[in-house]
Amino acid sequence: MRPCTPRRCDLVSSASPSSHSSRSAPAAEVVRTPAWIATMLALVGVLTFLYAALFQYCFTQWLKPDYSHGFLVPFFAAYLAWHWRAWAPERVRWPEPWGLAFIAAGGSLFVLAGALNIAKEWLQGLSLVINVCGAVLLLGGWKALKWLWPAAAFLLFMFPLPYKVEHRFGWELQKIASVASEYVLQTIGYATYREGIVLTVRDHTLRVEEACSGLSMLLTFAALATGMAILVKRPALDRVLILVSAVPVAVLSNVLRIALTGVLYNEAGKELGDRVFHDFAGWMMMPLALLVLWGELKLLDWVLVDEGGRASREDMVKTNAALGPAYLIMTALPPEKGGTAAPPKPAAQPASKGAR
């Protein structure tokens, strides 16, 4: 094998940076180029035109108390992108051809959902997420997609569930809410009789309609639980428990909502009960969800106690012999839990040089 001469080595080393710069460039320079700006504006304009009707439909749904979280989803998605801004690439390669494949897939799904009219709004919402990811990939490369895809995926919570999904699971949730509300009202002293999904609370009749099944409320709780699980700095077990708890918390909140309505029917009249049940209680579900999730985090702090560092048996014997059992017990907890910090290790003494 021929050795590399100094001149040849200089040529090889100088060629590497130029080839690397041809593949990618600093992001601050790329986003200022006229071609990148024109492409970005064209994508925004096309997506706005295609999904204008979808957002008009979603806006009417967001005005309902059970879907009111939809107004906050885009802002929270933007916050996720800002929160993980450290992942933003310093150098980007554009145009990334794979971005066009994403956009083609999203456009095909949009057309197919409109033609078949099966779960149209939700599938078109999914196509919007795919198209946003495709635009990010086209304009910023794979590193930009890695940074922004969680925020784009969170946008799915903007769109109401398909009607067939609501109809299939709504009936089961209606029965669960009716049975649980009957027990709650009987427990607090109100004579309650249930027939199907109709509750007779003393002299008043309360029907648990499909809209009051709690399925829409479940979507609100799922969105909040997902956002909290993403943002909180907790172990994986805590995050999983937060996500799983969205279902029982949503069901429990809906049961309390129905039971409160039964109480108001008898104590304050049907007019006030209907107003609280359909208006005020629906708008209060999001603050209630945040309060419950905050309480869950505090409960996890009490139940799942962080353990201190585990030392070997030999280290424990040495520490016990040198500092005493009391100090060993105090350092069993980390400093933030009330323990004390471990003492600094003594500096190693330099070895003395022998006489010459």
Protein backbone atom coordinates (compact mmCIF):
# COMPACT_ATOMS: atom_id res chain seq x y z
CA MET A 1 0.00 0.00 0.00
CA ARG A 2 1.45 3.32 -1.08
CA PRO A 3 2.14 5.78 1.71
CA CYS A 4 0.27 9.04 1.65
CA THR A 5 2.53 11.87 0.67
CA PRO A 6 2.17 15.19 2.52
CA ARG A 7 0.71 16.90 -0.55
CA ARG A 8 -1.84 14.13 -1.13
CA CYS A 9 -2.88 14.16 2.55
CA ASP A 10 -3.49 17.91 2.38
CA LEU A 11 -5.75 17.44 -0.64
CA VAL A 12 -7.80 14.71 1.06
CA SER A 13 -8.26 16.63 4.31
CA SER A 14 -9.24 19.81 2.51
CA ALA A 15 -11.81 17.97 0.39
CA SER A 16 -13.75 16.62 3.39
CA PRO A 17 -15.10 19.94 4.70
CA SER A 18 -16.21 21.03 1.25
CA SER A 19 -18.10 17.79 0.65
CA HIS A 20 -19.73 18.06 4.09
CA SER A 21 -20.82 21.64 3.46
CA SER A 22 -22.40 20.58 0.18
CA ARG A 23 -24.64 18.17 2.09
CA SER A 24 -25.68 20.52 4.90
CA ALA A 25 -25.41 24.16 5.85
CA PRO A 26 -25.96 26.22 9.01
CA ALA A 27 -29.65 26.47 9.76
CA ALA A 28 -29.49 30.25 10.22
CA GLU A 29 -28.20 30.62 6.66
CA VAL A 30 -30.62 28.15 5.09
CA VAL A 31 -33.80 29.75 6.46
CA ARG A 32 -32.76 33.09 4.96
CA THR A 33 -32.46 31.82 1.40
CA PRO A 34 -35.23 32.96 -0.99
CA ALA A 35 -35.89 29.39 -2.16
CA TRP A 36 -36.44 28.10 1.40
CA ILE A 37 -38.74 31.01 2.27
CA ALA A 38 -40.77 30.57 -0.92
CA THR A 39 -41.15 26.84 -0.32
CA MET A 40 -42.21 27.37 3.28
CA LEU A 41 -44.82 29.99 2.32
CA ALA A 42 -46.15 27.78 -0.46
CA LEU A 43 -46.58 24.81 1.91
CA VAL A 44 -48.33 26.96 4.53
CA GLY A 45 -50.67 28.39 1.91
CA VAL A 46 -51.59 25.00 0.43
CA LEU A 47 -52.19 23.39 3.83
CA THR A 48 -54.30 26.34 4.99
CA PHE A 49 -56.45 26.13 1.86
CA LEU A 50 -56.92 22.35 2.07
CA TYR A 51 -57.75 22.19 5.78
CA ALA A 52 -59.86 25.35 6.13
CA ALA A 53 -63.13 23.38 6.13
CA LEU A 54 -61.75 20.91 8.68
CA PHE A 55 -60.82 23.68 11.08
CA GLN A 56 -64.22 25.29 10.67
CA TYR A 57 -65.81 22.00 11.77
CA CYS A 58 -63.38 21.63 14.67
CA PHE A 59 -64.08 25.20 15.80
CA THR A 60 -67.78 24.39 16.21
CA GLN A 61 -66.83 21.33 18.27
CA TRP A 62 -64.39 23.28 20.44
CA LEU A 63 -67.21 25.60 21.46
CA LYS A 64 -68.79 22.66 23.29
CA PRO A 65 -67.59 22.33 26.89
CA ASP A 66 -66.42 18.72 26.50
CA TYR A 67 -64.14 19.63 23.56
CA SER A 68 -62.98 22.99 24.86
CA HIS A 69 -59.42 21.67 25.24
CA GLY A 70 -59.08 21.88 21.45
CA PHE A 71 -58.37 25.61 21.67
CA LEU A 72 -55.30 24.95 23.83
CA VAL A 73 -53.81 22.07 21.83
CA PRO A 74 -52.00 24.20 19.17
CA PHE A 75 -50.51 26.44 21.86
CA PHE A 76 -49.32 23.45 23.87
CA ALA A 77 -47.81 21.89 20.73
CA ALA A 78 -45.92 25.14 20.13
CA TYR A 79 -44.73 25.05 23.74
CA LEU A 80 -43.44 21.50 23.25
CA ALA A 81 -41.39 22.65 20.27
CA TRP A 82 -39.99 25.54 22.32
CA HIS A 83 -39.37 23.31 25.35
CA TRP A 84 -37.20 20.97 23.25
CA ARG A 85 -35.50 23.72 21.29
CA ALA A 86 -32.12 22.30 22.35
CA TRP A 87 -32.81 19.45 19.89
CA ALA A 88 -33.08 21.89 16.99
CA PRO A 89 -30.38 21.10 14.41
CA GLU A 90 -27.56 23.53 13.97
CA ARG A 91 -27.06 22.39 10.38
CA VAL A 92 -29.84 21.32 8.05
CA ARG A 93 -29.94 19.63 4.68
CA TRP A 94 -32.65 20.73 2.35
CA PRO A 95 -34.54 19.86 0.34
CA GLU A 96 -34.85 16.38 1.86
CA PRO A 97 -36.58 14.22 -0.82
CA TRP A 98 -38.24 11.95 1.77
CA GLY A 99 -40.34 14.90 2.85
CA LEU A 100 -42.17 14.72 -0.47
CA ALA A 101 -43.06 11.08 0.28
CA PHE A 102 -44.62 12.12 3.59
CA ILE A 103 -46.58 14.89 1.89
CA ALA A 104 -47.79 12.50 -0.82
CA ALA A 105 -48.97 10.02 1.85
CA GLY A 106 -50.76 12.75 3.81
CA GLY A 107 -52.42 14.13 0.69
CA SER A 108 -53.58 10.67 -0.36
CA LEU A 109 -55.10 10.05 3.07
CA PHE A 110 -56.87 13.41 2.92
CA VAL A 111 -58.45 12.62 -0.45
CA LEU A 112 -59.33 9.05 0.53
CA ALA A 113 -61.02 10.11 3.78
CA GLY A 114 -63.11 12.68 1.92
CA ALA A 115 -64.11 10.22 -0.78
CA LEU A 116 -65.08 7.34 1.53
CA ASN A 117 -66.52 9.61 4.26
CA ILE A 118 -65.43 7.13 6.96
CA ALA A 119 -64.12 8.86 10.08
CA LYS A 120 -63.58 11.76 7.71
CA GLU A 121 -62.64 14.55 10.12
CA TRP A 122 -60.33 12.46 12.31
CA LEU A 123 -58.53 10.85 9.35
CA GLN A 124 -58.10 14.23 7.69
CA GLY A 125 -56.67 15.47 10.97
CA LEU A 126 -54.21 12.57 10.88
CA SER A 127 -53.32 13.52 7.32
CA LEU A 128 -52.59 17.06 8.54
CA VAL A 129 -50.12 15.70 11.09
CA ILE A 130 -48.43 13.62 8.37
CA ASN A 131 -48.24 16.62 6.06
CA VAL A 132 -46.76 18.81 8.80
CA CYS A 133 -44.11 16.16 9.45
CA GLY A 134 -43.43 15.99 5.71
CA ALA A 135 -43.02 19.75 5.49
CA VAL A 136 -40.63 19.74 8.45
CA LEU A 137 -38.61 16.92 6.88
CA LEU A 138 -38.51 18.65 3.50
CA LEU A 139 -37.38 21.98 4.92
CA GLY A 140 -35.16 20.84 7.78
CA GLY A 141 -34.07 17.24 7.32
CA TRP A 142 -34.29 14.27 9.66
CA LYS A 143 -32.87 16.08 12.67
CA ALA A 144 -35.56 18.74 12.43
CA LEU A 145 -38.22 16.01 12.22
CA LYS A 146 -36.78 14.32 15.30
CA TRP A 147 -37.14 17.63 17.12
CA LEU A 148 -40.68 18.53 16.03
CA TRP A 149 -42.57 15.27 15.47
CA PRO A 150 -43.85 15.00 19.12
CA ALA A 151 -45.34 18.49 18.88
CA ALA A 152 -46.92 17.63 15.52
CA ALA A 153 -48.33 14.34 16.84
CA PHE A 154 -49.90 16.15 19.80
CA LEU A 155 -52.07 18.05 17.32
CA LEU A 156 -54.20 14.90 16.99
CA PHE A 157 -55.94 15.86 20.22
CA MET A 158 -57.52 18.80 18.39
CA PHE A 159 -59.84 16.57 16.41
CA PRO A 160 -62.98 14.95 17.89
CA LEU A 161 -63.22 11.18 17.82
CA PRO A 162 -65.09 9.56 14.90
CA TYR A 163 -68.81 9.12 15.35
CA LYS A 164 -68.64 5.32 15.18
CA VAL A 165 -66.06 5.23 17.96
CA GLU A 166 -68.20 7.48 20.12
CA HIS A 167 -71.30 5.40 19.42
CA ARG A 168 -69.59 2.07 20.15
CA PHE A 169 -67.92 3.02 23.40
CA GLY A 170 -70.41 5.66 24.47
CA TRP A 171 -73.07 3.12 25.43
CA GLU A 172 -70.71 1.20 27.70
CA LEU A 173 -69.57 4.40 29.36
CA GLN A 174 -73.20 5.44 29.80
CA LYS A 175 -73.96 2.24 31.70
CA ILE A 176 -70.84 2.56 33.86
CA ALA A 177 -71.65 6.20 34.69
CA SER A 178 -75.29 5.34 35.48
CA VAL A 179 -74.49 2.43 37.81
CA ALA A 180 -71.70 4.29 39.63
CA SER A 181 -73.82 7.44 40.02
CA GLU A 182 -76.63 5.38 41.53
CA TYR A 183 -74.30 4.01 44.19
CA VAL A 184 -72.86 7.46 44.94
CA LEU A 185 -76.28 9.07 45.34
CA GLN A 186 -77.50 6.22 47.54
CA THR A 187 -74.37 6.44 49.65
CA ILE A 188 -74.84 10.13 50.41
CA GLY A 189 -78.47 9.59 51.39
CA TYR A 190 -80.55 10.19 48.25
CA ALA A 191 -83.11 7.54 47.41
CA THR A 192 -82.20 6.59 43.86
CA TYR A 193 -83.68 4.04 41.49
CA ARG A 194 -82.04 3.16 38.17
CA GLU A 195 -83.68 1.69 35.10
CA GLY A 196 -81.16 1.35 32.30
CA ILE A 197 -79.53 4.75 31.98
CA VAL A 198 -82.40 6.63 33.65
CA LEU A 199 -81.92 7.63 37.29
CA THR A 200 -84.87 8.54 39.48
CA VAL A 201 -83.51 10.65 42.33
CA ARG A 202 -86.38 11.12 44.79
CA ASP A 203 -88.95 13.04 42.74
CA HIS A 204 -86.71 13.93 39.78
CA THR A 205 -85.69 11.92 36.73
CA LEU A 206 -82.16 12.22 35.37
CA ARG A 207 -81.28 10.57 32.07
CA VAL A 208 -77.61 9.94 31.27
CA GLU A 209 -77.57 10.89 27.61
CA GLU A 210 -74.94 9.73 25.13
CA ALA A 211 -73.38 13.18 25.18
CA CYS A 212 -72.93 12.78 28.95
CA SER A 213 -71.26 9.36 28.74
CA GLY A 214 -67.83 10.81 29.47
CA LEU A 215 -66.12 9.76 26.23
CA SER A 216 -65.41 13.34 25.22
CA MET A 217 -64.21 14.00 28.76
CA LEU A 218 -61.90 11.04 28.40
CA LEU A 219 -60.27 12.73 25.40
CA THR A 220 -59.67 15.87 27.46
CA PHE A 221 -58.07 13.92 30.29
CA ALA A 222 -55.98 11.89 27.84
CA ALA A 223 -54.64 15.07 26.24
CA LEU A 224 -53.70 16.57 29.60
CA ALA A 225 -52.19 13.33 30.89
CA THR A 226 -50.13 12.93 27.73
CA GLY A 227 -48.85 16.48 27.95
CA MET A 228 -47.95 16.09 31.61
CA ALA A 229 -46.24 12.73 31.01
CA ILE A 230 -44.14 14.34 28.28
CA LEU A 231 -43.08 17.38 30.28
CA VAL A 232 -42.54 16.15 33.83
CA LYS A 233 -39.10 14.90 34.72
CA ARG A 234 -40.11 11.61 36.29
CA PRO A 235 -39.12 7.94 36.01
CA ALA A 236 -40.75 5.87 33.30
CA LEU A 237 -43.07 4.19 35.82
CA ASP A 238 -44.49 7.56 36.92
CA ARG A 239 -45.14 8.57 33.31
CA VAL A 240 -46.91 5.30 32.53
CA LEU A 241 -49.10 5.61 35.62
CA ILE A 242 -50.07 9.15 34.63
CA LEU A 243 -51.10 7.98 31.16
CA VAL A 244 -53.04 4.96 32.40
CA SER A 245 -54.84 7.00 35.05
CA ALA A 246 -56.54 9.14 32.41
CA VAL A 247 -59.31 6.55 31.94
CA PRO A 248 -60.36 6.00 35.60
CA VAL A 249 -59.99 9.70 36.39
CA ALA A 250 -62.26 10.63 33.48
CA VAL A 251 -64.89 8.07 34.53
CA LEU A 252 -64.75 9.16 38.18
CA SER A 253 -65.08 12.84 37.25
CA ASN A 254 -68.11 12.11 35.08
CA VAL A 255 -69.74 10.12 37.90
CA LEU A 256 -69.21 13.04 40.30
CA ARG A 257 -70.67 15.36 37.69
CA ILE A 258 -73.85 13.26 37.36
CA ALA A 259 -74.18 12.80 41.12
CA LEU A 260 -73.83 16.54 41.67
CA THR A 261 -76.58 17.13 39.14
CA GLY A 262 -78.87 14.73 41.02
CA VAL A 263 -78.24 16.62 44.23
CA LEU A 264 -78.92 20.00 42.61
CA TYR A 265 -82.16 18.69 41.05
CA ASN A 266 -83.51 18.05 44.54
CA GLU A 267 -81.95 20.92 46.46
CA ALA A 268 -81.93 23.82 43.97
CA GLY A 269 -84.31 22.86 41.18
CA LYS A 270 -84.05 21.36 37.73
CA GLU A 271 -83.14 24.61 35.97
CA LEU A 272 -80.00 25.17 38.01
CA GLY A 273 -79.13 21.47 37.81
CA ASP A 274 -79.31 21.49 34.00
CA ARG A 275 -77.25 24.66 33.82
CA VAL A 276 -74.50 23.25 36.00
CA PHE A 277 -74.62 19.83 34.35
CA HIS A 278 -74.39 21.01 30.73
CA ASP A 279 -72.45 24.26 30.99
CA PHE A 280 -70.48 24.92 34.15
CA ALA A 281 -69.50 21.31 34.88
CA GLY A 282 -68.27 20.80 31.33
CA TRP A 283 -66.01 23.83 31.45
CA MET A 284 -64.70 22.81 34.88
CA MET A 285 -63.48 19.43 33.67
CA MET A 286 -60.10 20.74 32.51
CA PRO A 287 -59.20 22.49 35.80
CA LEU A 288 -60.42 19.41 37.63
CA ALA A 289 -58.21 17.21 35.47
CA LEU A 290 -55.17 19.35 36.21
CA LEU A 291 -55.94 19.28 39.93
CA VAL A 292 -56.34 15.49 39.93
CA LEU A 293 -53.12 14.95 37.96
CA TRP A 294 -51.23 17.26 40.32
CA GLY A 295 -52.59 15.29 43.28
CA GLU A 296 -51.52 12.07 41.57
CA LEU A 297 -47.97 13.33 41.24
CA LYS A 298 -47.91 14.19 44.94
CA LEU A 299 -49.27 10.74 45.78
CA LEU A 300 -46.55 9.12 43.69
CA ASP A 301 -43.97 11.16 45.63
CA TRP A 302 -45.30 9.70 48.88
CA VAL A 303 -45.70 6.11 47.69
CA LEU A 304 -42.72 5.65 45.38
CA VAL A 305 -39.94 6.96 47.60
CA ASP A 306 -36.58 7.43 45.92
CA GLU A 307 -33.93 5.27 47.52
CA GLY A 308 -30.46 6.47 48.23
CA GLY A 309 -27.43 5.05 46.53
CA ARG A 310 -26.78 1.41 47.33
CA ALA A 311 -23.37 0.70 48.83
CA SER A 312 -21.63 -2.60 49.07
CA ARG A 313 -21.46 -4.49 52.36
CA GLU A 314 -17.80 -3.64 52.79
CA ASP A 315 -18.46 0.08 52.32
CA MET A 316 -21.30 0.00 54.85
CA VAL A 317 -19.09 -1.72 57.45
CA LYS A 318 -16.32 0.82 56.93
CA THR A 319 -18.71 3.80 57.13
CA ASN A 320 -20.41 2.39 60.21
CA ALA A 321 -17.11 1.82 61.95
CA ALA A 322 -15.72 5.24 61.09
CA LEU A 323 -18.74 7.53 61.55
CA GLY A 324 -21.17 5.58 63.73
CA PRO A 325 -24.66 4.13 63.06
CA ALA A 326 -26.46 7.47 63.52
CA TYR A 327 -24.65 9.08 60.62
CA LEU A 328 -25.26 6.01 58.46
CA ILE A 329 -29.03 6.33 59.02
CA MET A 330 -29.00 10.06 58.22
CA THR A 331 -27.22 9.52 54.91
CA ALA A 332 -29.60 6.73 53.85
CA LEU A 333 -31.87 9.39 52.32
CA PRO A 334 -30.84 11.82 49.56
CA PRO A 335 -30.36 15.47 50.59
CA GLU A 336 -33.68 16.59 49.02
CA LYS A 337 -35.51 14.02 51.24
CA GLY A 338 -33.96 15.29 54.47
CA GLY A 339 -30.70 13.35 54.51
CA THR A 340 -27.23 14.78 54.67
CA ALA A 341 -24.64 14.80 51.96
CA ALA A 342 -21.85 12.30 52.11
CA PRO A 343 -18.55 13.68 53.46
CA PRO A 344 -15.91 14.49 50.88
CA LYS A 345 -13.26 11.91 50.40
CA PRO A 346 -9.91 12.83 51.94
CA ALA A 347 -7.34 13.98 49.46
CA ALA A 348 -4.76 11.40 48.64
CA GLN A 349 -1.44 12.11 50.29
CA PRO A 350 1.47 12.30 47.87
CA ALA A 351 3.85 9.43 48.22
CA SER A 352 7.02 10.45 49.98
CA LYS A 353 10.15 10.08 47.97
CA GLY A 354 12.80 7.91 49.42
CA ALA A 355 16.23 9.26 50.28
CA ARG A 356 18.72 9.04 47.54
